[in-house]
Amino acid sequence: MPNLVMEYSHTAEERLNLQGLLQDLHQVALDCDLFDSRDVKSRSHRYHQWLIGERGDTEDFIHIHFELLAGRSMEQKQVLADALLAVLQQQASHISSLTVNMVDMDKACFRKLKNITL
């Protein structure tokens, strides 16, 4: 834990380096000192169908969905969200909608299994 999921409209692919952006967002999560670096997981998901307000699919977007186990302070989550948004603004200011959502996960319900191969 945590999980960073970068969701984006497929139109963004033509306009920026998404792998580089994902790597930079991942680095923010590694550098924030809130998590064991071995537990940080980042991935992206491209969308071909989306609608935004009355403009439908004419606006592109990048949305960061960041799940973390409950227990961090509001201030810690705000600082991390601001740092993630700053990276988005630096690299994707030409994308219409840039958003970050921090989501607390219930520790009592979270399960994890690591299969270790040697």
PDB file of N, CA and C in Angstrom:
ATOM      1  N   MET A   1       0.850  -1.141   0.000  1.00  0.00           N
ATOM      2  CA  MET A   1       0.000   0.000   0.000  1.00  0.00           C
ATOM      3  C   MET A   1       0.903   1.213   0.000  1.00  0.00           C
ATOM      4  N   PRO A   2       0.708   2.238  -0.604  1.00  0.00           N
ATOM      5  CA  PRO A   2      -0.496   2.766  -1.246  1.00  0.00           C
ATOM      6  C   PRO A   2      -0.558   2.434  -2.739  1.00  0.00           C
ATOM      7  N   ASN A   3      -1.696   2.801  -3.341  1.00  0.00           N
ATOM      8  CA  ASN A   3      -1.900   2.627  -4.774  1.00  0.00           C
ATOM      9  C   ASN A   3      -2.170   3.974  -5.428  1.00  0.00           C
ATOM     10  N   LEU A   4      -1.376   4.296  -6.420  1.00  0.00           N
ATOM     11  CA  LEU A   4      -1.589   5.484  -7.230  1.00  0.00           C
ATOM     12  C   LEU A   4      -2.084   5.016  -8.588  1.00  0.00           C
ATOM     13  N   VAL A   5      -3.270   5.461  -8.967  1.00  0.00           N
ATOM     14  CA  VAL A   5      -3.821   5.114 -10.273  1.00  0.00           C
ATOM     15  C   VAL A   5      -4.023   6.408 -11.059  1.00  0.00           C
ATOM     16  N   MET A   6      -3.332   6.519 -12.172  1.00  0.00           N
ATOM     17  CA  MET A   6      -3.476   7.674 -13.049  1.00  0.00           C
ATOM     18  C   MET A   6      -4.452   7.291 -14.157  1.00  0.00           C
ATOM     19  N   GLU A   7      -5.620   7.899 -14.138  1.00  0.00           N
ATOM     20  CA  GLU A   7      -6.624   7.680 -15.175  1.00  0.00           C
ATOM     21  C   GLU A   7      -6.533   8.835 -16.160  1.00  0.00           C
ATOM     22  N   TYR A   8      -6.678   8.549 -17.450  1.00  0.00           N
ATOM     23  CA  TYR A   8      -6.550   9.626 -18.426  1.00  0.00           C
ATOM     24  C   TYR A   8      -7.347   9.327 -19.682  1.00  0.00           C
ATOM     25  N   SER A   9      -7.760  10.392 -20.364  1.00  0.00           N
ATOM     26  CA  SER A   9      -8.423  10.250 -21.651  1.00  0.00           C
ATOM     27  C   SER A   9      -7.380   9.865 -22.698  1.00  0.00           C
ATOM     28  N   HIS A  10      -7.762   9.015 -23.622  1.00  0.00           N
ATOM     29  CA  HIS A  10      -6.797   8.533 -24.611  1.00  0.00           C
ATOM     30  C   HIS A  10      -6.222   9.682 -25.450  1.00  0.00           C
ATOM     31  N   THR A  11      -6.933  10.797 -25.537  1.00  0.00           N
ATOM     32  CA  THR A  11      -6.434  11.944 -26.295  1.00  0.00           C
ATOM     33  C   THR A  11      -5.189  12.556 -25.656  1.00  0.00           C
ATOM     34  N   ALA A  12      -4.971  12.304 -24.385  1.00  0.00           N
ATOM     35  CA  ALA A  12      -3.786  12.835 -23.703  1.00  0.00           C
ATOM     36  C   ALA A  12      -2.511  12.149 -24.173  1.00  0.00           C
ATOM     37  N   GLU A  13      -2.638  10.927 -24.683  1.00  0.00           N
ATOM     38  CA  GLU A  13      -1.457  10.171 -25.123  1.00  0.00           C
ATOM     39  C   GLU A  13      -0.671  10.898 -26.199  1.00  0.00           C
ATOM     40  N   GLU A  14      -1.375  11.577 -27.074  1.00  0.00           N
ATOM     41  CA  GLU A  14      -0.730  12.253 -28.191  1.00  0.00           C
ATOM     42  C   GLU A  14      -0.011  13.521 -27.747  1.00  0.00           C
ATOM     43  N   ARG A  15      -0.305  13.975 -26.525  1.00  0.00           N
ATOM     44  CA  ARG A  15       0.132  15.308 -26.131  1.00  0.00           C
ATOM     45  C   ARG A  15       1.165  15.337 -25.017  1.00  0.00           C
ATOM     46  N   LEU A  16       1.469  14.193 -24.404  1.00  0.00           N
ATOM     47  CA  LEU A  16       2.482  14.197 -23.347  1.00  0.00           C
ATOM     48  C   LEU A  16       3.058  12.811 -23.135  1.00  0.00           C
ATOM     49  N   ASN A  17       4.164  12.764 -22.427  1.00  0.00           N
ATOM     50  CA  ASN A  17       4.853  11.519 -22.110  1.00  0.00           C
ATOM     51  C   ASN A  17       4.207  10.919 -20.860  1.00  0.00           C
ATOM     52  N   LEU A  18       3.268  10.025 -21.053  1.00  0.00           N
ATOM     53  CA  LEU A  18       2.511   9.483 -19.924  1.00  0.00           C
ATOM     54  C   LEU A  18       3.357   8.575 -19.041  1.00  0.00           C
ATOM     55  N   GLN A  19       4.270   7.814 -19.623  1.00  0.00           N
ATOM     56  CA  GLN A  19       5.137   6.961 -18.802  1.00  0.00           C
ATOM     57  C   GLN A  19       6.033   7.821 -17.924  1.00  0.00           C
ATOM     58  N   GLY A  20       6.579   8.882 -18.485  1.00  0.00           N
ATOM     59  CA  GLY A  20       7.404   9.798 -17.702  1.00  0.00           C
ATOM     60  C   GLY A  20       6.608  10.478 -16.604  1.00  0.00           C
ATOM     61  N   LEU A  21       5.380  10.872 -16.919  1.00  0.00           N
ATOM     62  CA  LEU A  21       4.506  11.486 -15.917  1.00  0.00           C
ATOM     63  C   LEU A  21       4.217  10.502 -14.791  1.00  0.00           C
ATOM     64  N   LEU A  22       3.899   9.262 -15.135  1.00  0.00           N
ATOM     65  CA  LEU A  22       3.628   8.247 -14.113  1.00  0.00           C
ATOM     66  C   LEU A  22       4.862   8.032 -13.236  1.00  0.00           C
ATOM     67  N   GLN A  23       6.026   7.994 -13.843  1.00  0.00           N
ATOM     68  CA  GLN A  23       7.263   7.818 -13.064  1.00  0.00           C
ATOM     69  C   GLN A  23       7.477   8.983 -12.106  1.00  0.00           C
ATOM     70  N   ASP A  24       7.209  10.196 -12.562  1.00  0.00           N
ATOM     71  CA  ASP A  24       7.394  11.363 -11.699  1.00  0.00           C
ATOM     72  C   ASP A  24       6.373  11.388 -10.557  1.00  0.00           C
ATOM     73  N   LEU A  25       5.137  11.005 -10.829  1.00  0.00           N
ATOM     74  CA  LEU A  25       4.125  10.908  -9.777  1.00  0.00           C
ATOM     75  C   LEU A  25       4.503   9.829  -8.767  1.00  0.00           C
ATOM     76  N   HIS A  26       4.994   8.709  -9.266  1.00  0.00           N
ATOM     77  CA  HIS A  26       5.450   7.608  -8.404  1.00  0.00           C
ATOM     78  C   HIS A  26       6.582   8.100  -7.494  1.00  0.00           C
ATOM     79  N   GLN A  27       7.483   8.896  -8.050  1.00  0.00           N
ATOM     80  CA  GLN A  27       8.601   9.416  -7.267  1.00  0.00           C
ATOM     81  C   GLN A  27       8.117  10.329  -6.147  1.00  0.00           C
ATOM     82  N   VAL A  28       7.076  11.118  -6.406  1.00  0.00           N
ATOM     83  CA  VAL A  28       6.496  11.964  -5.357  1.00  0.00           C
ATOM     84  C   VAL A  28       6.028  11.090  -4.193  1.00  0.00           C
ATOM     85  N   ALA A  29       5.355   9.985  -4.513  1.00  0.00           N
ATOM     86  CA  ALA A  29       4.878   9.079  -3.456  1.00  0.00           C
ATOM     87  C   ALA A  29       6.046   8.454  -2.703  1.00  0.00           C
ATOM     88  N   LEU A  30       7.122   8.128  -3.411  1.00  0.00           N
ATOM     89  CA  LEU A  30       8.304   7.561  -2.755  1.00  0.00           C
ATOM     90  C   LEU A  30       8.981   8.580  -1.840  1.00  0.00           C
ATOM     91  N   ASP A  31       9.010   9.829  -2.272  1.00  0.00           N
ATOM     92  CA  ASP A  31       9.748  10.868  -1.556  1.00  0.00           C
ATOM     93  C   ASP A  31       8.983  11.501  -0.396  1.00  0.00           C
ATOM     94  N   CYS A  32       7.710  11.214  -0.252  1.00  0.00           N
ATOM     95  CA  CYS A  32       6.904  11.916   0.758  1.00  0.00           C
ATOM     96  C   CYS A  32       7.149  11.411   2.182  1.00  0.00           C
ATOM     97  N   ASP A  33       7.850  10.303   2.336  1.00  0.00           N
ATOM     98  CA  ASP A  33       8.194   9.743   3.651  1.00  0.00           C
ATOM     99  C   ASP A  33       6.982   9.303   4.468  1.00  0.00           C
ATOM    100  N   LEU A  34       5.882   8.989   3.796  1.00  0.00           N
ATOM    101  CA  LEU A  34       4.704   8.476   4.498  1.00  0.00           C
ATOM    102  C   LEU A  34       4.574   6.961   4.381  1.00  0.00           C
ATOM    103  N   PHE A  35       5.341   6.354   3.476  1.00  0.00           N
ATOM    104  CA  PHE A  35       5.172   4.940   3.166  1.00  0.00           C
ATOM    105  C   PHE A  35       6.520   4.241   3.054  1.00  0.00           C
ATOM    106  N   ASP A  36       6.513   2.945   3.239  1.00  0.00           N
ATOM    107  CA  ASP A  36       7.669   2.122   2.926  1.00  0.00           C
ATOM    108  C   ASP A  36       7.766   2.085   1.401  1.00  0.00           C
ATOM    109  N   SER A  37       8.899   2.455   0.860  1.00  0.00           N
ATOM    110  CA  SER A  37       9.034   2.565  -0.597  1.00  0.00           C
ATOM    111  C   SER A  37       8.729   1.253  -1.322  1.00  0.00           C
ATOM    112  N   ARG A  38       8.929   0.132  -0.659  1.00  0.00           N
ATOM    113  CA  ARG A  38       8.640  -1.163  -1.288  1.00  0.00           C
ATOM    114  C   ARG A  38       7.151  -1.393  -1.490  1.00  0.00           C
ATOM    115  N   ASP A  39       6.321  -0.622  -0.804  1.00  0.00           N
ATOM    116  CA  ASP A  39       4.875  -0.827  -0.871  1.00  0.00           C
ATOM    117  C   ASP A  39       4.159   0.093  -1.852  1.00  0.00           C
ATOM    118  N   VAL A  40       4.849   1.087  -2.381  1.00  0.00           N
ATOM    119  CA  VAL A  40       4.210   2.050  -3.283  1.00  0.00           C
ATOM    120  C   VAL A  40       4.013   1.408  -4.652  1.00  0.00           C
ATOM    121  N   LYS A  41       2.772   1.434  -5.132  1.00  0.00           N
ATOM    122  CA  LYS A  41       2.431   0.867  -6.438  1.00  0.00           C
ATOM    123  C   LYS A  41       1.747   1.937  -7.277  1.00  0.00           C
ATOM    124  N   SER A  42       2.186   2.075  -8.520  1.00  0.00           N
ATOM    125  CA  SER A  42       1.597   3.067  -9.419  1.00  0.00           C
ATOM    126  C   SER A  42       1.287   2.409 -10.758  1.00  0.00           C
ATOM    127  N   ARG A  43       0.191   2.830 -11.341  1.00  0.00           N
ATOM    128  CA  ARG A  43      -0.220   2.295 -12.642  1.00  0.00           C
ATOM    129  C   ARG A  43      -1.123   3.315 -13.321  1.00  0.00           C
ATOM    130  N   SER A  44      -1.370   3.088 -14.586  1.00  0.00           N
ATOM    131  CA  SER A  44      -2.235   4.014 -15.320  1.00  0.00           C
ATOM    132  C   SER A  44      -3.325   3.238 -16.045  1.00  0.00           C
ATOM    133  N   HIS A  45      -4.399   3.961 -16.336  1.00  0.00           N
ATOM    134  CA  HIS A  45      -5.531   3.378 -17.034  1.00  0.00           C
ATOM    135  C   HIS A  45      -6.054   4.397 -18.047  1.00  0.00           C
ATOM    136  N   ARG A  46      -6.075   3.995 -19.299  1.00  0.00           N
ATOM    137  CA  ARG A  46      -6.541   4.851 -20.390  1.00  0.00           C
ATOM    138  C   ARG A  46      -8.043   4.641 -20.602  1.00  0.00           C
ATOM    139  N   TYR A  47      -8.742   5.730 -20.868  1.00  0.00           N
ATOM    140  CA  TYR A  47     -10.179   5.668 -21.143  1.00  0.00           C
ATOM    141  C   TYR A  47     -10.458   6.130 -22.568  1.00  0.00           C
ATOM    142  N   HIS A  48     -11.303   5.384 -23.240  1.00  0.00           N
ATOM    143  CA  HIS A  48     -11.735   5.747 -24.589  1.00  0.00           C
ATOM    144  C   HIS A  48     -13.112   6.391 -24.581  1.00  0.00           C
ATOM    145  N   GLN A  49     -13.870   6.177 -23.549  1.00  0.00           N
ATOM    146  CA  GLN A  49     -15.187   6.801 -23.413  1.00  0.00           C
ATOM    147  C   GLN A  49     -15.236   7.564 -22.097  1.00  0.00           C
ATOM    148  N   TRP A  50     -15.640   8.834 -22.159  1.00  0.00           N
ATOM    149  CA  TRP A  50     -15.795   9.674 -20.968  1.00  0.00           C
ATOM    150  C   TRP A  50     -16.666  10.863 -21.338  1.00  0.00           C
ATOM    151  N   LEU A  51     -17.217  11.485 -20.337  1.00  0.00           N
ATOM    152  CA  LEU A  51     -18.009  12.695 -20.505  1.00  0.00           C
ATOM    153  C   LEU A  51     -17.654  13.663 -19.390  1.00  0.00           C
ATOM    154  N   ILE A  52     -17.490  14.938 -19.736  1.00  0.00           N
ATOM    155  CA  ILE A  52     -17.207  15.970 -18.749  1.00  0.00           C
ATOM    156  C   ILE A  52     -18.201  17.106 -18.964  1.00  0.00           C
ATOM    157  N   GLY A  53     -19.071  17.291 -17.988  1.00  0.00           N
ATOM    158  CA  GLY A  53     -20.047  18.379 -18.050  1.00  0.00           C
ATOM    159  C   GLY A  53     -20.830  18.379 -19.352  1.00  0.00           C
ATOM    160  N   GLU A  54     -21.087  19.552 -19.867  1.00  0.00           N
ATOM    161  CA  GLU A  54     -21.838  19.694 -21.112  1.00  0.00           C
ATOM    162  C   GLU A  54     -20.957  19.559 -22.351  1.00  0.00           C
ATOM    163  N   ARG A  55     -19.649  19.514 -22.143  1.00  0.00           N
ATOM    164  CA  ARG A  55     -18.725  19.412 -23.287  1.00  0.00           C
ATOM    165  C   ARG A  55     -18.458  17.975 -23.691  1.00  0.00           C
ATOM    166  N   GLY A  56     -19.012  17.029 -22.930  1.00  0.00           N
ATOM    167  CA  GLY A  56     -18.885  15.618 -23.304  1.00  0.00           C
ATOM    168  C   GLY A  56     -17.454  15.151 -23.359  1.00  0.00           C
ATOM    169  N   ASP A  57     -17.084  14.565 -24.498  1.00  0.00           N
ATOM    170  CA  ASP A  57     -15.736  14.013 -24.634  1.00  0.00           C
ATOM    171  C   ASP A  57     -14.798  14.955 -25.405  1.00  0.00           C
ATOM    172  N   THR A  58     -15.168  16.227 -25.501  1.00  0.00           N
ATOM    173  CA  THR A  58     -14.288  17.175 -26.189  1.00  0.00           C
ATOM    174  C   THR A  58     -13.200  17.717 -25.269  1.00  0.00           C
ATOM    175  N   GLU A  59     -13.339  17.505 -23.980  1.00  0.00           N
ATOM    176  CA  GLU A  59     -12.292  17.888 -23.029  1.00  0.00           C
ATOM    177  C   GLU A  59     -11.522  16.641 -22.606  1.00  0.00           C
ATOM    178  N   ASP A  60     -10.220  16.782 -22.496  1.00  0.00           N
ATOM    179  CA  ASP A  60      -9.422  15.651 -22.019  1.00  0.00           C
ATOM    180  C   ASP A  60      -9.171  15.804 -20.517  1.00  0.00           C
ATOM    181  N   PHE A  61      -8.664  14.749 -19.907  1.00  0.00           N
ATOM    182  CA  PHE A  61      -8.486  14.773 -18.453  1.00  0.00           C
ATOM    183  C   PHE A  61      -7.358  13.852 -18.013  1.00  0.00           C
ATOM    184  N   ILE A  62      -6.841  14.151 -16.829  1.00  0.00           N
ATOM    185  CA  ILE A  62      -5.995  13.231 -16.067  1.00  0.00           C
ATOM    186  C   ILE A  62      -6.499  13.308 -14.635  1.00  0.00           C
ATOM    187  N   HIS A  63      -6.778  12.154 -14.071  1.00  0.00           N
ATOM    188  CA  HIS A  63      -7.258  12.085 -12.691  1.00  0.00           C
ATOM    189  C   HIS A  63      -6.375  11.116 -11.920  1.00  0.00           C
ATOM    190  N   ILE A  64      -5.880  11.556 -10.778  1.00  0.00           N
ATOM    191  CA  ILE A  64      -5.086  10.700  -9.896  1.00  0.00           C
ATOM    192  C   ILE A  64      -5.983  10.209  -8.765  1.00  0.00           C
ATOM    193  N   HIS A  65      -6.110   8.909  -8.681  1.00  0.00           N
ATOM    194  CA  HIS A  65      -6.847   8.259  -7.593  1.00  0.00           C
ATOM    195  C   HIS A  65      -5.775   7.635  -6.706  1.00  0.00           C
ATOM    196  N   PHE A  66      -5.658   8.130  -5.475  1.00  0.00           N
ATOM    197  CA  PHE A  66      -4.581   7.694  -4.585  1.00  0.00           C
ATOM    198  C   PHE A  66      -5.195   7.054  -3.348  1.00  0.00           C
ATOM    199  N   GLU A  67      -5.030   5.741  -3.230  1.00  0.00           N
ATOM    200  CA  GLU A  67      -5.555   5.004  -2.069  1.00  0.00           C
ATOM    201  C   GLU A  67      -4.429   4.775  -1.067  1.00  0.00           C
ATOM    202  N   LEU A  68      -4.734   5.040   0.208  1.00  0.00           N
ATOM    203  CA  LEU A  68      -3.767   4.788   1.260  1.00  0.00           C
ATOM    204  C   LEU A  68      -4.497   4.301   2.503  1.00  0.00           C
ATOM    205  N   LEU A  69      -3.818   3.516   3.277  1.00  0.00           N
ATOM    206  CA  LEU A  69      -4.436   3.021   4.506  1.00  0.00           C
ATOM    207  C   LEU A  69      -4.715   4.184   5.448  1.00  0.00           C
ATOM    208  N   ALA A  70      -5.844   4.141   6.094  1.00  0.00           N
ATOM    209  CA  ALA A  70      -6.246   5.189   7.033  1.00  0.00           C
ATOM    210  C   ALA A  70      -5.181   5.346   8.113  1.00  0.00           C
ATOM    211  N   GLY A  71      -5.052   6.560   8.626  1.00  0.00           N
ATOM    212  CA  GLY A  71      -4.111   6.805   9.712  1.00  0.00           C
ATOM    213  C   GLY A  71      -3.233   8.024   9.486  1.00  0.00           C
ATOM    214  N   ARG A  72      -3.158   8.514   8.235  1.00  0.00           N
ATOM    215  CA  ARG A  72      -2.388   9.733   7.987  1.00  0.00           C
ATOM    216  C   ARG A  72      -3.243  10.934   8.331  1.00  0.00           C
ATOM    217  N   SER A  73      -2.602  12.006   8.737  1.00  0.00           N
ATOM    218  CA  SER A  73      -3.341  13.216   9.095  1.00  0.00           C
ATOM    219  C   SER A  73      -3.878  13.892   7.833  1.00  0.00           C
ATOM    220  N   MET A  74      -4.851  14.755   8.029  1.00  0.00           N
ATOM    221  CA  MET A  74      -5.399  15.525   6.915  1.00  0.00           C
ATOM    222  C   MET A  74      -4.302  16.364   6.276  1.00  0.00           C
ATOM    223  N   GLU A  75      -3.451  16.962   7.099  1.00  0.00           N
ATOM    224  CA  GLU A  75      -2.372  17.790   6.574  1.00  0.00           C
ATOM    225  C   GLU A  75      -1.410  16.968   5.708  1.00  0.00           C
ATOM    226  N   GLN A  76      -1.045  15.763   6.150  1.00  0.00           N
ATOM    227  CA  GLN A  76      -0.157  14.911   5.364  1.00  0.00           C
ATOM    228  C   GLN A  76      -0.777  14.583   4.007  1.00  0.00           C
ATOM    229  N   LYS A  77      -2.067  14.274   4.004  1.00  0.00           N
ATOM    230  CA  LYS A  77      -2.746  13.941   2.747  1.00  0.00           C
ATOM    231  C   LYS A  77      -2.855  15.170   1.850  1.00  0.00           C
ATOM    232  N   GLN A  78      -3.086  16.334   2.428  1.00  0.00           N
ATOM    233  CA  GLN A  78      -3.172  17.562   1.635  1.00  0.00           C
ATOM    234  C   GLN A  78      -1.829  17.902   0.997  1.00  0.00           C
ATOM    235  N   VAL A  79      -0.751  17.757   1.751  1.00  0.00           N
ATOM    236  CA  VAL A  79       0.589  18.036   1.226  1.00  0.00           C
ATOM    237  C   VAL A  79       0.902  17.096   0.069  1.00  0.00           C
ATOM    238  N   LEU A  80       0.580  15.816   0.230  1.00  0.00           N
ATOM    239  CA  LEU A  80       0.826  14.849  -0.837  1.00  0.00           C
ATOM    240  C   LEU A  80      -0.040  15.163  -2.060  1.00  0.00           C
ATOM    241  N   ALA A  81      -1.312  15.460  -1.851  1.00  0.00           N
ATOM    242  CA  ALA A  81      -2.201  15.802  -2.965  1.00  0.00           C
ATOM    243  C   ALA A  81      -1.691  17.037  -3.704  1.00  0.00           C
ATOM    244  N   ASP A  82      -1.236  18.040  -2.976  1.00  0.00           N
ATOM    245  CA  ASP A  82      -0.694  19.248  -3.598  1.00  0.00           C
ATOM    246  C   ASP A  82       0.564  18.942  -4.414  1.00  0.00           C
ATOM    247  N   ALA A  83       1.417  18.067  -3.893  1.00  0.00           N
ATOM    248  CA  ALA A  83       2.644  17.711  -4.606  1.00  0.00           C
ATOM    249  C   ALA A  83       2.316  16.950  -5.895  1.00  0.00           C
ATOM    250  N   LEU A  84       1.351  16.053  -5.836  1.00  0.00           N
ATOM    251  CA  LEU A  84       0.934  15.321  -7.038  1.00  0.00           C
ATOM    252  C   LEU A  84       0.334  16.273  -8.068  1.00  0.00           C
ATOM    253  N   LEU A  85      -0.507  17.191  -7.614  1.00  0.00           N
ATOM    254  CA  LEU A  85      -1.119  18.153  -8.525  1.00  0.00           C
ATOM    255  C   LEU A  85      -0.070  19.076  -9.145  1.00  0.00           C
ATOM    256  N   ALA A  86       0.957  19.424  -8.378  1.00  0.00           N
ATOM    257  CA  ALA A  86       2.031  20.272  -8.911  1.00  0.00           C
ATOM    258  C   ALA A  86       2.737  19.589 -10.080  1.00  0.00           C
ATOM    259  N   VAL A  87       2.972  18.288  -9.968  1.00  0.00           N
ATOM    260  CA  VAL A  87       3.590  17.537 -11.070  1.00  0.00           C
ATOM    261  C   VAL A  87       2.668  17.544 -12.282  1.00  0.00           C
ATOM    262  N   LEU A  88       1.378  17.330 -12.048  1.00  0.00           N
ATOM    263  CA  LEU A  88       0.422  17.391 -13.158  1.00  0.00           C
ATOM    264  C   LEU A  88       0.449  18.763 -13.829  1.00  0.00           C
ATOM    265  N   GLN A  89       0.452  19.808 -13.043  1.00  0.00           N
ATOM    266  CA  GLN A  89       0.460  21.168 -13.598  1.00  0.00           C
ATOM    267  C   GLN A  89       1.731  21.439 -14.394  1.00  0.00           C
ATOM    268  N   GLN A  90       2.865  20.950 -13.914  1.00  0.00           N
ATOM    269  CA  GLN A  90       4.144  21.169 -14.603  1.00  0.00           C
ATOM    270  C   GLN A  90       4.184  20.468 -15.956  1.00  0.00           C
ATOM    271  N   GLN A  91       3.640  19.245 -16.016  1.00  0.00           N
ATOM    272  CA  GLN A  91       3.803  18.440 -17.219  1.00  0.00           C
ATOM    273  C   GLN A  91       2.566  18.392 -18.115  1.00  0.00           C
ATOM    274  N   ALA A  92       1.409  18.756 -17.584  1.00  0.00           N
ATOM    275  CA  ALA A  92       0.176  18.574 -18.355  1.00  0.00           C
ATOM    276  C   ALA A  92      -0.742  19.790 -18.269  1.00  0.00           C
ATOM    277  N   SER A  93      -0.160  20.975 -18.237  1.00  0.00           N
ATOM    278  CA  SER A  93      -0.975  22.179 -18.091  1.00  0.00           C
ATOM    279  C   SER A  93      -1.907  22.402 -19.281  1.00  0.00           C
ATOM    280  N   HIS A  94      -1.638  21.749 -20.399  1.00  0.00           N
ATOM    281  CA  HIS A  94      -2.483  21.867 -21.586  1.00  0.00           C
ATOM    282  C   HIS A  94      -3.662  20.887 -21.580  1.00  0.00           C
ATOM    283  N   ILE A  95      -3.751  20.033 -20.569  1.00  0.00           N
ATOM    284  CA  ILE A  95      -4.878  19.109 -20.426  1.00  0.00           C
ATOM    285  C   ILE A  95      -5.998  19.844 -19.687  1.00  0.00           C
ATOM    286  N   SER A  96      -7.226  19.714 -20.173  1.00  0.00           N
ATOM    287  CA  SER A  96      -8.352  20.509 -19.660  1.00  0.00           C
ATOM    288  C   SER A  96      -8.634  20.296 -18.182  1.00  0.00           C
ATOM    289  N   SER A  97      -8.640  19.049 -17.729  1.00  0.00           N
ATOM    290  CA  SER A  97      -9.042  18.751 -16.353  1.00  0.00           C
ATOM    291  C   SER A  97      -7.956  17.931 -15.665  1.00  0.00           C
ATOM    292  N   LEU A  98      -7.401  18.476 -14.589  1.00  0.00           N
ATOM    293  CA  LEU A  98      -6.393  17.793 -13.777  1.00  0.00           C
ATOM    294  C   LEU A  98      -6.935  17.689 -12.361  1.00  0.00           C
ATOM    295  N   THR A  99      -7.074  16.471 -11.853  1.00  0.00           N
ATOM    296  CA  THR A  99      -7.636  16.286 -10.520  1.00  0.00           C
ATOM    297  C   THR A  99      -6.870  15.222  -9.744  1.00  0.00           C
ATOM    298  N   VAL A 100      -6.926  15.352  -8.405  1.00  0.00           N
ATOM    299  CA  VAL A 100      -6.318  14.385  -7.490  1.00  0.00           C
ATOM    300  C   VAL A 100      -7.332  14.090  -6.400  1.00  0.00           C
ATOM    301  N   ASN A 101      -7.524  12.817  -6.097  1.00  0.00           N
ATOM    302  CA  ASN A 101      -8.425  12.417  -5.018  1.00  0.00           C
ATOM    303  C   ASN A 101      -7.700  11.436  -4.094  1.00  0.00           C
ATOM    304  N   MET A 102      -7.596  11.798  -2.824  1.00  0.00           N
ATOM    305  CA  MET A 102      -6.975  10.934  -1.828  1.00  0.00           C
ATOM    306  C   MET A 102      -8.081  10.137  -1.134  1.00  0.00           C
ATOM    307  N   VAL A 103      -7.899   8.822  -1.036  1.00  0.00           N
ATOM    308  CA  VAL A 103      -8.938   7.946  -0.484  1.00  0.00           C
ATOM    309  C   VAL A 103      -8.347   7.094   0.635  1.00  0.00           C
ATOM    310  N   ASP A 104      -8.909   7.234   1.832  1.00  0.00           N
ATOM    311  CA  ASP A 104      -8.502   6.384   2.954  1.00  0.00           C
ATOM    312  C   ASP A 104      -9.125   5.012   2.816  1.00  0.00           C
ATOM    313  N   MET A 105      -8.310   3.996   3.036  1.00  0.00           N
ATOM    314  CA  MET A 105      -8.804   2.620   3.036  1.00  0.00           C
ATOM    315  C   MET A 105      -8.922   2.142   4.483  1.00  0.00           C
ATOM    316  N   ASP A 106      -9.920   1.357   4.745  1.00  0.00           N
ATOM    317  CA  ASP A 106     -10.170   0.824   6.081  1.00  0.00           C
ATOM    318  C   ASP A 106      -9.158  -0.281   6.387  1.00  0.00           C
ATOM    319  N   LYS A 107      -8.312  -0.066   7.394  1.00  0.00           N
ATOM    320  CA  LYS A 107      -7.296  -1.059   7.756  1.00  0.00           C
ATOM    321  C   LYS A 107      -7.909  -2.407   8.130  1.00  0.00           C
ATOM    322  N   ALA A 108      -9.069  -2.374   8.761  1.00  0.00           N
ATOM    323  CA  ALA A 108      -9.697  -3.614   9.212  1.00  0.00           C
ATOM    324  C   ALA A 108     -10.163  -4.485   8.048  1.00  0.00           C
ATOM    325  N   CYS A 109     -10.401  -3.875   6.896  1.00  0.00           N
ATOM    326  CA  CYS A 109     -10.923  -4.622   5.747  1.00  0.00           C
ATOM    327  C   CYS A 109      -9.885  -4.861   4.659  1.00  0.00           C
ATOM    328  N   PHE A 110      -8.737  -4.233   4.745  1.00  0.00           N
ATOM    329  CA  PHE A 110      -7.714  -4.402   3.721  1.00  0.00           C
ATOM    330  C   PHE A 110      -6.982  -5.726   3.920  1.00  0.00           C
ATOM    331  N   ARG A 111      -6.753  -6.433   2.853  1.00  0.00           N
ATOM    332  CA  ARG A 111      -6.012  -7.695   2.883  1.00  0.00           C
ATOM    333  C   ARG A 111      -4.878  -7.624   1.872  1.00  0.00           C
ATOM    334  N   LYS A 112      -3.763  -8.269   2.195  1.00  0.00           N
ATOM    335  CA  LYS A 112      -2.608  -8.266   1.324  1.00  0.00           C
ATOM    336  C   LYS A 112      -1.906  -9.616   1.409  1.00  0.00           C
ATOM    337  N   LEU A 113      -1.546 -10.159   0.277  1.00  0.00           N
ATOM    338  CA  LEU A 113      -0.797 -11.404   0.200  1.00  0.00           C
ATOM    339  C   LEU A 113       0.355 -11.199  -0.761  1.00  0.00           C
ATOM    340  N   LYS A 114       1.560 -11.444  -0.292  1.00  0.00           N
ATOM    341  CA  LYS A 114       2.735 -11.333  -1.153  1.00  0.00           C
ATOM    342  C   LYS A 114       3.259 -12.729  -1.396  1.00  0.00           C
ATOM    343  N   ASN A 115       3.280 -13.121  -2.648  1.00  0.00           N
ATOM    344  CA  ASN A 115       3.883 -14.390  -3.039  1.00  0.00           C
ATOM    345  C   ASN A 115       5.314 -14.115  -3.417  1.00  0.00           C
ATOM    346  N   ILE A 116       6.220 -14.623  -2.633  1.00  0.00           N
ATOM    347  CA  ILE A 116       7.638 -14.355  -2.855  1.00  0.00           C
ATOM    348  C   ILE A 116       8.266 -15.550  -3.554  1.00  0.00           C
ATOM    349  N   THR A 117       8.903 -15.260  -4.697  1.00  0.00           N
ATOM    350  CA  THR A 117       9.628 -16.300  -5.407  1.00  0.00           C
ATOM    351  C   THR A 117      11.106 -15.993  -5.332  1.00  0.00           C
ATOM    352  N   LEU A 118      11.879 -17.001  -5.148  1.00  0.00           N
ATOM    353  CA  LEU A 118      13.321 -16.819  -5.036  1.00  0.00           C
ATOM    354  C   LEU A 118      14.000 -17.154  -6.331  1.00  0.00           C
TER     355      LEU A 118
END
